PDB file of N, CA and C in Angstrom:
ATOM      1  N   MET A   1     -78.031  14.861  44.324  1.00  0.00           N
ATOM      2  CA  MET A   1     -77.169  14.699  43.549  1.00  0.00           C
ATOM      3  C   MET A   1     -75.817  13.762  44.255  1.00  0.00           C
ATOM      4  N   SER A   2     -75.353  12.773  43.708  1.00  0.00           N
ATOM      5  CA  SER A   2     -74.303  12.120  44.690  1.00  0.00           C
ATOM      6  C   SER A   2     -73.141  12.821  44.469  1.00  0.00           C
ATOM      7  N   ILE A   3     -72.110  12.467  45.167  1.00  0.00           N
ATOM      8  CA  ILE A   3     -70.756  13.100  45.376  1.00  0.00           C
ATOM      9  C   ILE A   3     -70.145  12.781  43.927  1.00  0.00           C
ATOM     10  N   SER A   4     -70.263  11.672  43.233  1.00  0.00           N
ATOM     11  CA  SER A   4     -69.675  11.432  41.827  1.00  0.00           C
ATOM     12  C   SER A   4     -70.213  12.141  40.839  1.00  0.00           C
ATOM     13  N   GLU A   5     -71.385  12.464  40.869  1.00  0.00           N
ATOM     14  CA  GLU A   5     -72.030  13.111  39.924  1.00  0.00           C
ATOM     15  C   GLU A   5     -71.584  14.637  40.214  1.00  0.00           C
ATOM     16  N   ARG A   6     -71.514  15.270  41.240  1.00  0.00           N
ATOM     17  CA  ARG A   6     -70.847  16.669  41.631  1.00  0.00           C
ATOM     18  C   ARG A   6     -69.430  16.778  41.039  1.00  0.00           C
ATOM     19  N   HIS A   7     -68.699  15.784  41.266  1.00  0.00           N
ATOM     20  CA  HIS A   7     -67.278  15.855  40.505  1.00  0.00           C
ATOM     21  C   HIS A   7     -66.995  15.323  38.979  1.00  0.00           C
ATOM     22  N   GLY A   8     -68.116  14.694  38.387  1.00  0.00           N
ATOM     23  CA  GLY A   8     -68.170  14.506  37.192  1.00  0.00           C
ATOM     24  C   GLY A   8     -67.261  13.082  37.275  1.00  0.00           C
ATOM     25  N   ILE A   9     -67.679  12.169  37.946  1.00  0.00           N
ATOM     26  CA  ILE A   9     -66.703  10.840  37.977  1.00  0.00           C
ATOM     27  C   ILE A   9     -67.685   9.631  37.895  1.00  0.00           C
ATOM     28  N   ASP A  10     -67.373   9.027  36.840  1.00  0.00           N
ATOM     29  CA  ASP A  10     -68.521   7.640  36.730  1.00  0.00           C
ATOM     30  C   ASP A  10     -68.010   6.866  37.799  1.00  0.00           C
ATOM     31  N   VAL A  11     -69.272   6.081  37.882  1.00  0.00           N
ATOM     32  CA  VAL A  11     -69.231   4.931  39.096  1.00  0.00           C
ATOM     33  C   VAL A  11     -69.582   3.525  38.171  1.00  0.00           C
ATOM     34  N   GLU A  12     -68.813   2.604  38.470  1.00  0.00           N
ATOM     35  CA  GLU A  12     -68.903   1.356  38.105  1.00  0.00           C
ATOM     36  C   GLU A  12     -69.289   0.676  39.209  1.00  0.00           C
ATOM     37  N   HIS A  13     -70.402  -0.429  38.595  1.00  0.00           N
ATOM     38  CA  HIS A  13     -71.298  -1.099  39.634  1.00  0.00           C
ATOM     39  C   HIS A  13     -70.648  -2.536  39.278  1.00  0.00           C
ATOM     40  N   ASP A  14     -70.172  -3.661  40.066  1.00  0.00           N
ATOM     41  CA  ASP A  14     -70.131  -4.863  39.986  1.00  0.00           C
ATOM     42  C   ASP A  14     -71.392  -5.424  40.164  1.00  0.00           C
ATOM     43  N   PRO A  15     -71.895  -6.112  39.111  1.00  0.00           N
ATOM     44  CA  PRO A  15     -73.316  -6.775  39.374  1.00  0.00           C
ATOM     45  C   PRO A  15     -73.208  -8.405  40.301  1.00  0.00           C
ATOM     46  N   VAL A  16     -71.913  -8.716  40.415  1.00  0.00           N
ATOM     47  CA  VAL A  16     -72.195 -10.172  41.006  1.00  0.00           C
ATOM     48  C   VAL A  16     -71.657  -9.814  42.474  1.00  0.00           C
ATOM     49  N   TYR A  17     -71.021  -8.832  42.940  1.00  0.00           N
ATOM     50  CA  TYR A  17     -70.852  -8.608  44.543  1.00  0.00           C
ATOM     51  C   TYR A  17     -71.308  -7.418  44.849  1.00  0.00           C
ATOM     52  N   GLY A  18     -72.297  -6.677  44.358  1.00  0.00           N
ATOM     53  CA  GLY A  18     -72.906  -5.503  44.752  1.00  0.00           C
ATOM     54  C   GLY A  18     -71.835  -4.059  45.113  1.00  0.00           C
ATOM     55  N   ARG A  19     -70.589  -4.363  44.793  1.00  0.00           N
ATOM     56  CA  ARG A  19     -69.695  -3.173  44.991  1.00  0.00           C
ATOM     57  C   ARG A  19     -69.894  -2.192  44.077  1.00  0.00           C
ATOM     58  N   ALA A  20     -69.657  -0.902  44.574  1.00  0.00           N
ATOM     59  CA  ALA A  20     -69.124   0.159  43.447  1.00  0.00           C
ATOM     60  C   ALA A  20     -68.039   0.789  43.859  1.00  0.00           C
ATOM     61  N   ARG A  21     -67.522   1.576  42.535  1.00  0.00           N
ATOM     62  CA  ARG A  21     -66.194   2.023  42.694  1.00  0.00           C
ATOM     63  C   ARG A  21     -66.462   3.195  41.745  1.00  0.00           C
ATOM     64  N   ALA A  22     -65.758   4.503  42.106  1.00  0.00           N
ATOM     65  CA  ALA A  22     -65.716   5.697  41.420  1.00  0.00           C
ATOM     66  C   ALA A  22     -63.965   5.855  41.267  1.00  0.00           C
ATOM     67  N   TRP A  23     -63.585   6.042  39.972  1.00  0.00           N
ATOM     68  CA  TRP A  23     -62.245   5.994  39.943  1.00  0.00           C
ATOM     69  C   TRP A  23     -62.065   7.640  39.620  1.00  0.00           C
ATOM     70  N   VAL A  24     -61.026   7.867  40.497  1.00  0.00           N
ATOM     71  CA  VAL A  24     -60.447   9.338  40.550  1.00  0.00           C
ATOM     72  C   VAL A  24     -59.455   9.583  39.819  1.00  0.00           C
ATOM     73  N   ARG A  25     -58.419   8.629  39.851  1.00  0.00           N
ATOM     74  CA  ARG A  25     -57.361   8.444  39.216  1.00  0.00           C
ATOM     75  C   ARG A  25     -57.152   6.910  38.357  1.00  0.00           C
ATOM     76  N   PRO A  26     -57.530   6.708  37.277  1.00  0.00           N
ATOM     77  CA  PRO A  26     -57.737   5.412  36.641  1.00  0.00           C
ATOM     78  C   PRO A  26     -56.293   4.854  36.833  1.00  0.00           C
ATOM     79  N   ARG A  27     -56.402   3.308  36.718  1.00  0.00           N
ATOM     80  CA  ARG A  27     -55.354   2.674  36.382  1.00  0.00           C
ATOM     81  C   ARG A  27     -54.342   3.288  35.278  1.00  0.00           C
ATOM     82  N   ALA A  28     -53.143   3.036  35.275  1.00  0.00           N
ATOM     83  CA  ALA A  28     -52.193   3.237  34.216  1.00  0.00           C
ATOM     84  C   ALA A  28     -51.976   1.898  33.283  1.00  0.00           C
ATOM     85  N   LYS A  29     -51.356   1.852  32.170  1.00  0.00           N
ATOM     86  CA  LYS A  29     -51.339   0.526  31.484  1.00  0.00           C
ATOM     87  C   LYS A  29     -49.890  -0.111  31.934  1.00  0.00           C
ATOM     88  N   GLY A  30     -48.952   0.636  32.292  1.00  0.00           N
ATOM     89  CA  GLY A  30     -47.954   0.051  32.594  1.00  0.00           C
ATOM     90  C   GLY A  30     -47.466   0.276  34.327  1.00  0.00           C
ATOM     91  N   TRP A  31     -46.389  -0.476  34.537  1.00  0.00           N
ATOM     92  CA  TRP A  31     -45.740  -0.272  35.987  1.00  0.00           C
ATOM     93  C   TRP A  31     -44.591   0.667  36.094  1.00  0.00           C
ATOM     94  N   PRO A  32     -44.249   1.454  37.110  1.00  0.00           N
ATOM     95  CA  PRO A  32     -45.297   1.557  38.464  1.00  0.00           C
ATOM     96  C   PRO A  32     -46.300   2.358  37.838  1.00  0.00           C
ATOM     97  N   MET A  33     -47.444   2.178  38.600  1.00  0.00           N
ATOM     98  CA  MET A  33     -48.836   3.080  38.463  1.00  0.00           C
ATOM     99  C   MET A  33     -49.436   3.359  39.747  1.00  0.00           C
ATOM    100  N   ALA A  34     -50.104   4.505  39.723  1.00  0.00           N
ATOM    101  CA  ALA A  34     -50.995   4.762  40.844  1.00  0.00           C
ATOM    102  C   ALA A  34     -52.251   4.693  40.498  1.00  0.00           C
ATOM    103  N   GLU A  35     -53.095   4.325  41.415  1.00  0.00           N
ATOM    104  CA  GLU A  35     -54.408   4.514  40.848  1.00  0.00           C
ATOM    105  C   GLU A  35     -55.306   4.919  42.284  1.00  0.00           C
ATOM    106  N   GLU A  36     -56.451   5.782  42.056  1.00  0.00           N
ATOM    107  CA  GLU A  36     -57.204   6.270  43.388  1.00  0.00           C
ATOM    108  C   GLU A  36     -58.685   5.971  43.019  1.00  0.00           C
ATOM    109  N   LEU A  37     -59.647   5.467  44.011  1.00  0.00           N
ATOM    110  CA  LEU A  37     -60.631   5.365  43.746  1.00  0.00           C
ATOM    111  C   LEU A  37     -61.471   5.406  44.890  1.00  0.00           C
ATOM    112  N   PHE A  38     -62.897   5.658  44.908  1.00  0.00           N
ATOM    113  CA  PHE A  38     -63.673   5.341  46.099  1.00  0.00           C
ATOM    114  C   PHE A  38     -64.607   4.237  45.876  1.00  0.00           C
ATOM    115  N   ALA A  39     -64.687   3.417  46.939  1.00  0.00           N
ATOM    116  CA  ALA A  39     -65.156   2.210  46.858  1.00  0.00           C
ATOM    117  C   ALA A  39     -66.288   1.875  48.041  1.00  0.00           C
ATOM    118  N   THR A  40     -67.137   1.169  47.576  1.00  0.00           N
ATOM    119  CA  THR A  40     -68.137   0.837  48.940  1.00  0.00           C
ATOM    120  C   THR A  40     -67.466  -0.313  49.686  1.00  0.00           C
ATOM    121  N   ALA A  41     -67.829  -0.325  51.164  1.00  0.00           N
ATOM    122  CA  ALA A  41     -66.837  -1.136  52.160  1.00  0.00           C
ATOM    123  C   ALA A  41     -67.729  -1.329  53.337  1.00  0.00           C
ATOM    124  N   PRO A  42     -67.503  -2.417  54.123  1.00  0.00           N
ATOM    125  CA  PRO A  42     -68.146  -2.455  55.314  1.00  0.00           C
ATOM    126  C   PRO A  42     -68.129  -1.331  56.007  1.00  0.00           C
ATOM    127  N   ALA A  43     -68.833  -0.972  56.993  1.00  0.00           N
ATOM    128  CA  ALA A  43     -68.702   0.281  58.095  1.00  0.00           C
ATOM    129  C   ALA A  43     -67.566  -0.106  58.915  1.00  0.00           C
ATOM    130  N   ARG A  44     -66.850  -1.143  59.300  1.00  0.00           N
ATOM    131  CA  ARG A  44     -65.511  -1.194  60.128  1.00  0.00           C
ATOM    132  C   ARG A  44     -64.672  -2.125  59.209  1.00  0.00           C
ATOM    133  N   VAL A  45     -63.546  -1.533  58.683  1.00  0.00           N
ATOM    134  CA  VAL A  45     -62.554  -1.935  58.409  1.00  0.00           C
ATOM    135  C   VAL A  45     -61.223  -1.853  59.038  1.00  0.00           C
ATOM    136  N   ILE A  46     -60.513  -2.976  58.882  1.00  0.00           N
ATOM    137  CA  ILE A  46     -59.222  -2.974  59.554  1.00  0.00           C
ATOM    138  C   ILE A  46     -58.270  -2.183  58.791  1.00  0.00           C
ATOM    139  N   ASP A  47     -57.416  -0.957  59.523  1.00  0.00           N
ATOM    140  CA  ASP A  47     -56.439  -0.394  58.741  1.00  0.00           C
ATOM    141  C   ASP A  47     -55.303  -1.229  58.461  1.00  0.00           C
ATOM    142  N   LYS A  48     -55.021  -1.463  56.942  1.00  0.00           N
ATOM    143  CA  LYS A  48     -53.914  -2.257  56.601  1.00  0.00           C
ATOM    144  C   LYS A  48     -52.916  -1.545  55.918  1.00  0.00           C
ATOM    145  N   GLN A  49     -52.809  -0.420  55.998  1.00  0.00           N
ATOM    146  CA  GLN A  49     -51.819   0.630  55.533  1.00  0.00           C
ATOM    147  C   GLN A  49     -50.693   0.422  56.224  1.00  0.00           C
ATOM    148  N   ASP A  50     -49.503   0.080  55.548  1.00  0.00           N
ATOM    149  CA  ASP A  50     -48.294  -0.046  56.159  1.00  0.00           C
ATOM    150  C   ASP A  50     -47.435   1.266  56.409  1.00  0.00           C
ATOM    151  N   ASN A  51     -46.630   1.380  57.072  1.00  0.00           N
ATOM    152  CA  ASN A  51     -45.976   2.685  57.446  1.00  0.00           C
ATOM    153  C   ASN A  51     -45.303   3.454  56.480  1.00  0.00           C
ATOM    154  N   ASN A  52     -44.722   2.708  55.411  1.00  0.00           N
ATOM    155  CA  ASN A  52     -44.358   3.508  54.348  1.00  0.00           C
ATOM    156  C   ASN A  52     -45.296   4.015  53.103  1.00  0.00           C
ATOM    157  N   PHE A  53     -46.460   3.959  53.327  1.00  0.00           N
ATOM    158  CA  PHE A  53     -47.251   3.972  52.467  1.00  0.00           C
ATOM    159  C   PHE A  53     -47.440   5.303  51.802  1.00  0.00           C
ATOM    160  N   GLU A  54     -47.377   6.436  52.579  1.00  0.00           N
ATOM    161  CA  GLU A  54     -47.672   7.858  52.182  1.00  0.00           C
ATOM    162  C   GLU A  54     -46.191   7.966  51.407  1.00  0.00           C
ATOM    163  N   ARG A  55     -45.162   7.802  51.953  1.00  0.00           N
ATOM    164  CA  ARG A  55     -43.749   8.081  51.257  1.00  0.00           C
ATOM    165  C   ARG A  55     -43.868   7.837  49.567  1.00  0.00           C
ATOM    166  N   HIS A  56     -44.261   6.410  49.669  1.00  0.00           N
ATOM    167  CA  HIS A  56     -44.266   5.702  48.282  1.00  0.00           C
ATOM    168  C   HIS A  56     -45.431   6.283  47.714  1.00  0.00           C
ATOM    169  N   TRP A  57     -46.712   6.537  48.139  1.00  0.00           N
ATOM    170  CA  TRP A  57     -47.679   7.104  47.371  1.00  0.00           C
ATOM    171  C   TRP A  57     -47.162   8.621  46.800  1.00  0.00           C
ATOM    172  N   ASP A  58     -46.379   9.323  47.492  1.00  0.00           N
ATOM    173  CA  ASP A  58     -46.218  10.576  47.146  1.00  0.00           C
ATOM    174  C   ASP A  58     -44.969  10.759  46.012  1.00  0.00           C
ATOM    175  N   ALA A  59     -44.228   9.681  46.041  1.00  0.00           N
ATOM    176  CA  ALA A  59     -43.178   9.593  45.159  1.00  0.00           C
ATOM    177  C   ALA A  59     -43.809   9.328  44.006  1.00  0.00           C
ATOM    178  N   LEU A  60     -44.570   8.517  43.776  1.00  0.00           N
ATOM    179  CA  LEU A  60     -45.329   7.770  42.780  1.00  0.00           C
ATOM    180  C   LEU A  60     -46.217   8.759  41.986  1.00  0.00           C
ATOM    181  N   VAL A  61     -46.976   9.727  42.790  1.00  0.00           N
ATOM    182  CA  VAL A  61     -47.922  10.381  42.058  1.00  0.00           C
ATOM    183  C   VAL A  61     -46.924  12.038  41.524  1.00  0.00           C
ATOM    184  N   SER A  62     -45.780  12.002  42.322  1.00  0.00           N
ATOM    185  CA  SER A  62     -44.998  13.508  42.056  1.00  0.00           C
ATOM    186  C   SER A  62     -44.218  13.281  40.865  1.00  0.00           C
ATOM    187  N   GLY A  63     -44.281  12.295  40.158  1.00  0.00           N
ATOM    188  CA  GLY A  63     -43.352  11.840  39.183  1.00  0.00           C
ATOM    189  C   GLY A  63     -42.153  11.415  39.359  1.00  0.00           C
ATOM    190  N   SER A  64     -41.504  11.091  40.624  1.00  0.00           N
ATOM    191  CA  SER A  64     -40.226  10.463  40.825  1.00  0.00           C
ATOM    192  C   SER A  64     -40.525   8.982  41.082  1.00  0.00           C
ATOM    193  N   ALA A  65     -41.257   8.177  40.126  1.00  0.00           N
ATOM    194  CA  ALA A  65     -41.425   6.744  40.520  1.00  0.00           C
ATOM    195  C   ALA A  65     -40.414   5.811  40.280  1.00  0.00           C
ATOM    196  N   ALA A  66     -39.349   6.600  39.328  1.00  0.00           N
ATOM    197  CA  ALA A  66     -38.083   5.494  39.151  1.00  0.00           C
ATOM    198  C   ALA A  66     -37.437   5.227  40.469  1.00  0.00           C
ATOM    199  N   GLN A  67     -37.599   6.150  41.656  1.00  0.00           N
ATOM    200  CA  GLN A  67     -36.899   6.046  43.094  1.00  0.00           C
ATOM    201  C   GLN A  67     -37.700   4.943  43.867  1.00  0.00           C
ATOM    202  N   LEU A  68     -38.707   4.585  43.405  1.00  0.00           N
ATOM    203  CA  LEU A  68     -39.311   3.470  44.151  1.00  0.00           C
ATOM    204  C   LEU A  68     -38.408   2.124  44.170  1.00  0.00           C
ATOM    205  N   PRO A  69     -38.370   1.571  45.449  1.00  0.00           N
ATOM    206  CA  PRO A  69     -37.637   0.288  45.144  1.00  0.00           C
ATOM    207  C   PRO A  69     -38.720  -0.786  44.721  1.00  0.00           C
ATOM    208  N   LEU A  70     -38.254  -2.039  43.782  1.00  0.00           N
ATOM    209  CA  LEU A  70     -38.821  -2.935  43.131  1.00  0.00           C
ATOM    210  C   LEU A  70     -39.185  -3.863  43.978  1.00  0.00           C
ATOM    211  N   SER A  71     -38.720  -4.114  45.377  1.00  0.00           N
ATOM    212  CA  SER A  71     -39.159  -4.941  46.279  1.00  0.00           C
ATOM    213  C   SER A  71     -39.708  -4.510  47.427  1.00  0.00           C
TER     214      SER A  71
END
């Protein structure tokens, strides 16, 4: 049994590029929005997360999204 099956999460397969995604927190319809997913990726990926990501993510998912800057 796969991890997605154990957690009851559907997996989306991209037939063109062969990638798979499992949405843990689907996209919202409006901004600001938070989304969370597992995706297939190369074995070695450059870390692109900026220094402010954790603070902004926490604000967005904890319900205080109105405090996020627009730029």
